Amino acid sequence: MATVDVKNLNNEVVGTLDLSDDVFNGPINKGLMHQAVKQYLASQRLGTHKTKTRAEVSGSGRKPWRQKGTGRARVGEIRNPLWRKGGTVFGPQPRDYEYHLPRKMFRAALKSALALKFKENQLNVIEAFDLESYKTKAFSQALARLGFDRKVLVIHHQENPNLQLAARNLSKVQLLANLQVTPYHVLNAKHVVFSRAAIQALQEVLTK
């Protein structure tokens, strides 16, 4: 069974935690992780792009000249797409890019992402995020003591006002509840840091 050291905010080992091999020591499916990341990024797109068709651009709908006899090309209106300032043909229109993966695929991708972080020794467990104050400086110093000098994903289990206030001004820190974690969040961070309660709760969900 996979095990991980449990530390406190002073970077002292205070125990160990057994992890499920099914979640943290299973096969790593890169294809599934790629699909999960694509799905997450697609769902973040606003889809507000818009071009005007010939019905929407400004200009008269009157025929500029008669159809025959002038020697010039026939034309119906000045808003036609072939003319300057005319409408756009088949241009982008507002749309929703969001789609969902089947639950089994999503869970398998999340397990693969967690197993990858565990294999690369980038998965960490803290006993608890018990901060005495909401000051950002104290939390930043705790992260420095733990050796987290790059992008950090902090995953907590219960409402923690001090942690939320202390972490919100740190650009390299992303704070999430344990059941909001996606494969994208795990793969996008250099260090993944769980509280003991958070990793146990997430592991329980993923092993059902």
C-alpha atoms as a PDB file:
ATOM      1  CA  MET A   1       0.000   0.000   0.000  1.00  0.00           C
ATOM      2  CA  ALA A   2       1.213   3.487  -0.828  1.00  0.00           C
ATOM      3  CA  THR A   3       2.115   5.670   2.139  1.00  0.00           C
ATOM      4  CA  VAL A   4       2.896   9.352   2.491  1.00  0.00           C
ATOM      5  CA  ASP A   5       4.418  11.393   5.300  1.00  0.00           C
ATOM      6  CA  VAL A   6       2.091  13.748   7.149  1.00  0.00           C
ATOM      7  CA  LYS A   7       3.709  17.046   8.130  1.00  0.00           C
ATOM      8  CA  ASN A   8       2.727  20.113  10.097  1.00  0.00           C
ATOM      9  CA  LEU A   9       3.162  23.702   8.957  1.00  0.00           C
ATOM     10  CA  ASN A  10       6.670  23.761  10.469  1.00  0.00           C
ATOM     11  CA  ASN A  11       7.790  21.031   8.043  1.00  0.00           C
ATOM     12  CA  GLU A  12       7.987  18.432  10.806  1.00  0.00           C
ATOM     13  CA  VAL A  13       6.854  14.870  10.132  1.00  0.00           C
ATOM     14  CA  VAL A  14       4.072  14.028  12.589  1.00  0.00           C
ATOM     15  CA  GLY A  15       2.958  10.702  11.165  1.00  0.00           C
ATOM     16  CA  THR A  16       2.247   8.685   8.034  1.00  0.00           C
ATOM     17  CA  LEU A  17      -0.919   8.006   6.071  1.00  0.00           C
ATOM     18  CA  ASP A  18      -1.846   4.916   4.065  1.00  0.00           C
ATOM     19  CA  LEU A  19      -3.204   5.701   0.639  1.00  0.00           C
ATOM     20  CA  SER A  20      -5.337   3.553  -1.628  1.00  0.00           C
ATOM     21  CA  ASP A  21      -3.308   1.899  -4.381  1.00  0.00           C
ATOM     22  CA  ASP A  22      -6.387   2.099  -6.590  1.00  0.00           C
ATOM     23  CA  VAL A  23      -6.302   5.916  -6.443  1.00  0.00           C
ATOM     24  CA  PHE A  24      -2.689   6.926  -5.877  1.00  0.00           C
ATOM     25  CA  ASN A  25      -0.667   4.005  -7.196  1.00  0.00           C
ATOM     26  CA  GLY A  26      -2.666   2.863 -10.205  1.00  0.00           C
ATOM     27  CA  PRO A  27      -1.917   3.076 -13.937  1.00  0.00           C
ATOM     28  CA  ILE A  28      -1.408   6.535 -15.455  1.00  0.00           C
ATOM     29  CA  ASN A  29      -3.606   7.066 -18.504  1.00  0.00           C
ATOM     30  CA  LYS A  30      -2.241  10.082 -20.391  1.00  0.00           C
ATOM     31  CA  GLY A  31      -5.008   9.972 -22.984  1.00  0.00           C
ATOM     32  CA  LEU A  32      -7.725  10.302 -20.357  1.00  0.00           C
ATOM     33  CA  MET A  33      -5.884  13.143 -18.631  1.00  0.00           C
ATOM     34  CA  HIS A  34      -5.588  14.954 -21.972  1.00  0.00           C
ATOM     35  CA  GLN A  35      -9.334  14.600 -22.581  1.00  0.00           C
ATOM     36  CA  ALA A  36     -10.134  15.875 -19.082  1.00  0.00           C
ATOM     37  CA  VAL A  37      -7.908  18.938 -19.513  1.00  0.00           C
ATOM     38  CA  LYS A  38      -9.465  19.716 -22.917  1.00  0.00           C
ATOM     39  CA  GLN A  39     -12.953  19.400 -21.426  1.00  0.00           C
ATOM     40  CA  TYR A  40     -12.117  21.751 -18.532  1.00  0.00           C
ATOM     41  CA  LEU A  41     -10.554  24.398 -20.782  1.00  0.00           C
ATOM     42  CA  ALA A  42     -13.419  24.203 -23.260  1.00  0.00           C
ATOM     43  CA  SER A  43     -15.892  24.733 -20.432  1.00  0.00           C
ATOM     44  CA  GLN A  44     -14.049  27.909 -19.403  1.00  0.00           C
ATOM     45  CA  ARG A  45     -14.518  29.558 -22.812  1.00  0.00           C
ATOM     46  CA  LEU A  46     -17.041  32.380 -22.823  1.00  0.00           C
ATOM     47  CA  GLY A  47     -18.070  31.893 -26.433  1.00  0.00           C
ATOM     48  CA  THR A  48     -19.063  35.549 -26.814  1.00  0.00           C
ATOM     49  CA  HIS A  49     -17.364  36.022 -30.206  1.00  0.00           C
ATOM     50  CA  LYS A  50     -19.663  37.615 -32.789  1.00  0.00           C
ATOM     51  CA  THR A  51     -19.465  38.991 -36.329  1.00  0.00           C
ATOM     52  CA  LYS A  52     -22.242  40.806 -38.160  1.00  0.00           C
ATOM     53  CA  THR A  53     -24.034  39.207 -41.061  1.00  0.00           C
ATOM     54  CA  ARG A  54     -25.303  41.170 -44.101  1.00  0.00           C
ATOM     55  CA  ALA A  55     -28.602  41.595 -42.247  1.00  0.00           C
ATOM     56  CA  GLU A  56     -26.877  43.355 -39.314  1.00  0.00           C
ATOM     57  CA  VAL A  57     -24.306  45.734 -40.830  1.00  0.00           C
ATOM     58  CA  SER A  58     -25.323  49.332 -41.416  1.00  0.00           C
ATOM     59  CA  GLY A  59     -26.243  50.443 -44.901  1.00  0.00           C
ATOM     60  CA  SER A  60     -29.154  50.667 -47.271  1.00  0.00           C
ATOM     61  CA  GLY A  61     -30.853  47.670 -48.754  1.00  0.00           C
ATOM     62  CA  ARG A  62     -31.582  49.577 -51.962  1.00  0.00           C
ATOM     63  CA  LYS A  63     -30.145  48.204 -55.192  1.00  0.00           C
ATOM     64  CA  PRO A  64     -27.259  50.583 -56.142  1.00  0.00           C
ATOM     65  CA  TRP A  65     -27.929  50.479 -59.891  1.00  0.00           C
ATOM     66  CA  ARG A  66     -30.107  48.637 -62.351  1.00  0.00           C
ATOM     67  CA  GLN A  67     -29.388  45.008 -63.131  1.00  0.00           C
ATOM     68  CA  LYS A  68     -28.514  45.335 -66.806  1.00  0.00           C
ATOM     69  CA  GLY A  69     -27.168  47.871 -69.235  1.00  0.00           C
ATOM     70  CA  THR A  70     -24.567  49.697 -67.112  1.00  0.00           C
ATOM     71  CA  GLY A  71     -21.565  47.535 -67.969  1.00  0.00           C
ATOM     72  CA  ARG A  72     -20.866  46.965 -64.295  1.00  0.00           C
ATOM     73  CA  ALA A  73     -21.239  43.769 -62.286  1.00  0.00           C
ATOM     74  CA  ARG A  74     -24.710  43.089 -60.965  1.00  0.00           C
ATOM     75  CA  VAL A  75     -25.177  43.798 -57.267  1.00  0.00           C
ATOM     76  CA  GLY A  76     -28.157  43.721 -54.925  1.00  0.00           C
ATOM     77  CA  GLU A  77     -27.113  45.940 -52.014  1.00  0.00           C
ATOM     78  CA  ILE A  78     -24.063  47.627 -50.523  1.00  0.00           C
ATOM     79  CA  ARG A  79     -24.151  45.309 -47.495  1.00  0.00           C
ATOM     80  CA  ASN A  80     -23.233  42.244 -49.513  1.00  0.00           C
ATOM     81  CA  PRO A  81     -20.185  40.303 -48.232  1.00  0.00           C
ATOM     82  CA  LEU A  82     -18.056  40.989 -51.307  1.00  0.00           C
ATOM     83  CA  TRP A  83     -17.965  44.695 -50.647  1.00  0.00           C
ATOM     84  CA  ARG A  84     -15.914  46.641 -48.123  1.00  0.00           C
ATOM     85  CA  LYS A  85     -17.881  47.078 -44.844  1.00  0.00           C
ATOM     86  CA  GLY A  86     -20.267  44.370 -45.958  1.00  0.00           C
ATOM     87  CA  GLY A  87     -21.473  41.497 -43.810  1.00  0.00           C
ATOM     88  CA  THR A  88     -19.342  38.478 -42.853  1.00  0.00           C
ATOM     89  CA  VAL A  89     -20.170  35.066 -44.279  1.00  0.00           C
ATOM     90  CA  PHE A  90     -20.117  32.155 -41.819  1.00  0.00           C
ATOM     91  CA  GLY A  91     -18.363  34.249 -39.167  1.00  0.00           C
ATOM     92  CA  PRO A  92     -18.217  33.188 -35.508  1.00  0.00           C
ATOM     93  CA  GLN A  93     -21.459  33.425 -33.562  1.00  0.00           C
ATOM     94  CA  PRO A  94     -22.095  33.135 -29.792  1.00  0.00           C
ATOM     95  CA  ARG A  95     -22.025  29.522 -28.677  1.00  0.00           C
ATOM     96  CA  ASP A  96     -21.501  27.368 -25.604  1.00  0.00           C
ATOM     97  CA  TYR A  97     -18.354  25.225 -25.717  1.00  0.00           C
ATOM     98  CA  GLU A  98     -19.101  23.367 -22.481  1.00  0.00           C
ATOM     99  CA  TYR A  99     -19.420  19.604 -22.482  1.00  0.00           C
ATOM    100  CA  HIS A 100     -19.105  16.875 -19.859  1.00  0.00           C
ATOM    101  CA  LEU A 101     -17.108  13.690 -19.638  1.00  0.00           C
ATOM    102  CA  PRO A 102     -18.779  10.496 -18.419  1.00  0.00           C
ATOM    103  CA  ARG A 103     -18.321  10.145 -14.670  1.00  0.00           C
ATOM    104  CA  LYS A 104     -16.146   7.029 -14.964  1.00  0.00           C
ATOM    105  CA  MET A 105     -13.816   8.761 -17.404  1.00  0.00           C
ATOM    106  CA  PHE A 106     -13.549  11.847 -15.190  1.00  0.00           C
ATOM    107  CA  ARG A 107     -12.754   9.783 -12.095  1.00  0.00           C
ATOM    108  CA  ALA A 108     -10.208   7.685 -13.975  1.00  0.00           C
ATOM    109  CA  ALA A 109      -8.509  10.857 -15.239  1.00  0.00           C
ATOM    110  CA  LEU A 110      -8.419  12.313 -11.714  1.00  0.00           C
ATOM    111  CA  LYS A 111      -6.933   9.090 -10.346  1.00  0.00           C
ATOM    112  CA  SER A 112      -4.274   9.179 -13.074  1.00  0.00           C
ATOM    113  CA  ALA A 113      -3.400  12.792 -12.254  1.00  0.00           C
ATOM    114  CA  LEU A 114      -3.118  12.037  -8.528  1.00  0.00           C
ATOM    115  CA  ALA A 115      -1.032   8.914  -9.223  1.00  0.00           C
ATOM    116  CA  LEU A 116       1.300  10.978 -11.417  1.00  0.00           C
ATOM    117  CA  LYS A 117       1.824  13.578  -8.679  1.00  0.00           C
ATOM    118  CA  PHE A 118       2.418  10.825  -6.119  1.00  0.00           C
ATOM    119  CA  LYS A 119       4.935   9.121  -8.410  1.00  0.00           C
ATOM    120  CA  GLU A 120       6.800  12.421  -8.927  1.00  0.00           C
ATOM    121  CA  ASN A 121       6.849  13.149  -5.149  1.00  0.00           C
ATOM    122  CA  GLN A 122       4.772  16.295  -5.665  1.00  0.00           C
ATOM    123  CA  LEU A 123       1.842  15.172  -3.528  1.00  0.00           C
ATOM    124  CA  ASN A 124       1.985  16.389   0.077  1.00  0.00           C
ATOM    125  CA  VAL A 125      -0.211  15.963   3.155  1.00  0.00           C
ATOM    126  CA  ILE A 126      -0.458  18.476   5.997  1.00  0.00           C
ATOM    127  CA  GLU A 127      -2.014  17.453   9.301  1.00  0.00           C
ATOM    128  CA  ALA A 128      -4.247  20.533   9.327  1.00  0.00           C
ATOM    129  CA  PHE A 129      -4.183  24.131   8.130  1.00  0.00           C
ATOM    130  CA  ASP A 130      -4.547  25.585  11.620  1.00  0.00           C
ATOM    131  CA  LEU A 131      -3.572  29.200  11.108  1.00  0.00           C
ATOM    132  CA  GLU A 132      -3.582  31.506  14.111  1.00  0.00           C
ATOM    133  CA  SER A 133      -4.478  34.524  11.995  1.00  0.00           C
ATOM    134  CA  TYR A 134      -5.679  35.461   8.544  1.00  0.00           C
ATOM    135  CA  LYS A 135      -2.425  37.276   7.692  1.00  0.00           C
ATOM    136  CA  THR A 136      -0.962  36.365   4.316  1.00  0.00           C
ATOM    137  CA  LYS A 137       2.615  36.717   5.533  1.00  0.00           C
ATOM    138  CA  ALA A 138       2.339  33.891   8.075  1.00  0.00           C
ATOM    139  CA  PHE A 139       0.886  31.486   5.518  1.00  0.00           C
ATOM    140  CA  SER A 140       3.497  32.475   2.936  1.00  0.00           C
ATOM    141  CA  GLN A 141       6.256  31.768   5.454  1.00  0.00           C
ATOM    142  CA  ALA A 142       4.725  28.361   6.214  1.00  0.00           C
ATOM    143  CA  LEU A 143       4.761  27.482   2.504  1.00  0.00           C
ATOM    144  CA  ALA A 144       8.408  28.579   2.288  1.00  0.00           C
ATOM    145  CA  ARG A 145       9.303  26.329   5.237  1.00  0.00           C
ATOM    146  CA  LEU A 146       7.646  23.424   3.454  1.00  0.00           C
ATOM    147  CA  GLY A 147       9.722  24.110   0.342  1.00  0.00           C
ATOM    148  CA  PHE A 148       6.882  25.140  -1.963  1.00  0.00           C
ATOM    149  CA  ASP A 149       8.474  27.764  -4.177  1.00  0.00           C
ATOM    150  CA  ARG A 150       6.315  27.332  -7.273  1.00  0.00           C
ATOM    151  CA  LYS A 151       2.623  27.022  -8.089  1.00  0.00           C
ATOM    152  CA  VAL A 152       0.796  25.309  -5.228  1.00  0.00           C
ATOM    153  CA  LEU A 153      -2.653  23.726  -5.158  1.00  0.00           C
ATOM    154  CA  VAL A 154      -3.970  23.679  -1.589  1.00  0.00           C
ATOM    155  CA  ILE A 155      -6.921  21.360  -0.986  1.00  0.00           C
ATOM    156  CA  HIS A 156      -8.897  21.668   2.237  1.00  0.00           C
ATOM    157  CA  HIS A 157     -11.881  19.807   3.634  1.00  0.00           C
ATOM    158  CA  GLN A 158     -13.911  22.157   5.808  1.00  0.00           C
ATOM    159  CA  GLU A 159     -14.636  25.878   5.863  1.00  0.00           C
ATOM    160  CA  ASN A 160     -11.496  27.642   7.030  1.00  0.00           C
ATOM    161  CA  PRO A 161     -11.848  31.461   7.008  1.00  0.00           C
ATOM    162  CA  ASN A 162      -8.255  32.132   8.086  1.00  0.00           C
ATOM    163  CA  LEU A 163      -6.882  29.920   5.312  1.00  0.00           C
ATOM    164  CA  GLN A 164      -9.129  31.475   2.672  1.00  0.00           C
ATOM    165  CA  LEU A 165      -8.159  35.022   3.640  1.00  0.00           C
ATOM    166  CA  ALA A 166      -4.455  34.201   3.961  1.00  0.00           C
ATOM    167  CA  ALA A 167      -4.240  32.449   0.583  1.00  0.00           C
ATOM    168  CA  ARG A 168      -6.306  34.745  -1.611  1.00  0.00           C
ATOM    169  CA  ASN A 169      -3.542  37.321  -2.214  1.00  0.00           C
ATOM    170  CA  LEU A 170      -0.869  34.754  -3.132  1.00  0.00           C
ATOM    171  CA  SER A 171      -0.694  34.504  -6.913  1.00  0.00           C
ATOM    172  CA  LYS A 172       1.112  31.157  -6.833  1.00  0.00           C
ATOM    173  CA  VAL A 173      -1.477  29.532  -4.540  1.00  0.00           C
ATOM    174  CA  GLN A 174      -4.831  28.111  -5.612  1.00  0.00           C
ATOM    175  CA  LEU A 175      -7.219  27.053  -2.865  1.00  0.00           C
ATOM    176  CA  LEU A 176      -9.943  24.452  -3.482  1.00  0.00           C
ATOM    177  CA  ALA A 177     -12.316  22.275  -1.508  1.00  0.00           C
ATOM    178  CA  ASN A 178     -11.563  18.578  -1.894  1.00  0.00           C
ATOM    179  CA  LEU A 179     -14.657  17.787  -3.957  1.00  0.00           C
ATOM    180  CA  GLN A 180     -13.977  20.641  -6.411  1.00  0.00           C
ATOM    181  CA  VAL A 181     -10.684  19.206  -7.629  1.00  0.00           C
ATOM    182  CA  THR A 182     -10.353  18.338 -11.319  1.00  0.00           C
ATOM    183  CA  PRO A 183      -7.511  16.677 -13.254  1.00  0.00           C
ATOM    184  CA  TYR A 184      -6.679  20.103 -14.731  1.00  0.00           C
ATOM    185  CA  HIS A 185      -6.142  21.642 -11.289  1.00  0.00           C
ATOM    186  CA  VAL A 186      -3.875  18.778 -10.217  1.00  0.00           C
ATOM    187  CA  LEU A 187      -1.779  18.793 -13.386  1.00  0.00           C
ATOM    188  CA  ASN A 188      -1.528  22.597 -13.539  1.00  0.00           C
ATOM    189  CA  ALA A 189       0.173  22.831 -10.126  1.00  0.00           C
ATOM    190  CA  LYS A 190       3.767  22.029  -9.267  1.00  0.00           C
ATOM    191  CA  HIS A 191       2.900  20.995  -5.703  1.00  0.00           C
ATOM    192  CA  VAL A 192      -0.413  19.467  -4.596  1.00  0.00           C
ATOM    193  CA  VAL A 193      -1.023  19.900  -0.861  1.00  0.00           C
ATOM    194  CA  PHE A 194      -3.873  18.152   0.967  1.00  0.00           C
ATOM    195  CA  SER A 195      -4.980  18.400   4.533  1.00  0.00           C
ATOM    196  CA  ARG A 196      -5.272  14.950   6.118  1.00  0.00           C
ATOM    197  CA  ALA A 197      -9.074  15.225   6.270  1.00  0.00           C
ATOM    198  CA  ALA A 198      -9.288  16.371   2.640  1.00  0.00           C
ATOM    199  CA  ILE A 199      -7.249  13.516   1.182  1.00  0.00           C
ATOM    200  CA  GLN A 200      -9.135  10.938   3.220  1.00  0.00           C
ATOM    201  CA  ALA A 201     -12.508  12.297   2.125  1.00  0.00           C
ATOM    202  CA  LEU A 202     -11.474  12.461  -1.557  1.00  0.00           C
ATOM    203  CA  GLN A 203     -10.009   8.967  -1.413  1.00  0.00           C
ATOM    204  CA  GLU A 204     -13.270   7.654   0.033  1.00  0.00           C
ATOM    205  CA  VAL A 205     -15.251   9.154  -2.858  1.00  0.00           C
ATOM    206  CA  LEU A 206     -12.905   7.851  -5.564  1.00  0.00           C
ATOM    207  CA  THR A 207     -12.853   4.291  -4.214  1.00  0.00           C
ATOM    208  CA  LYS A 208     -16.644   3.868  -4.263  1.00  0.00           C
END
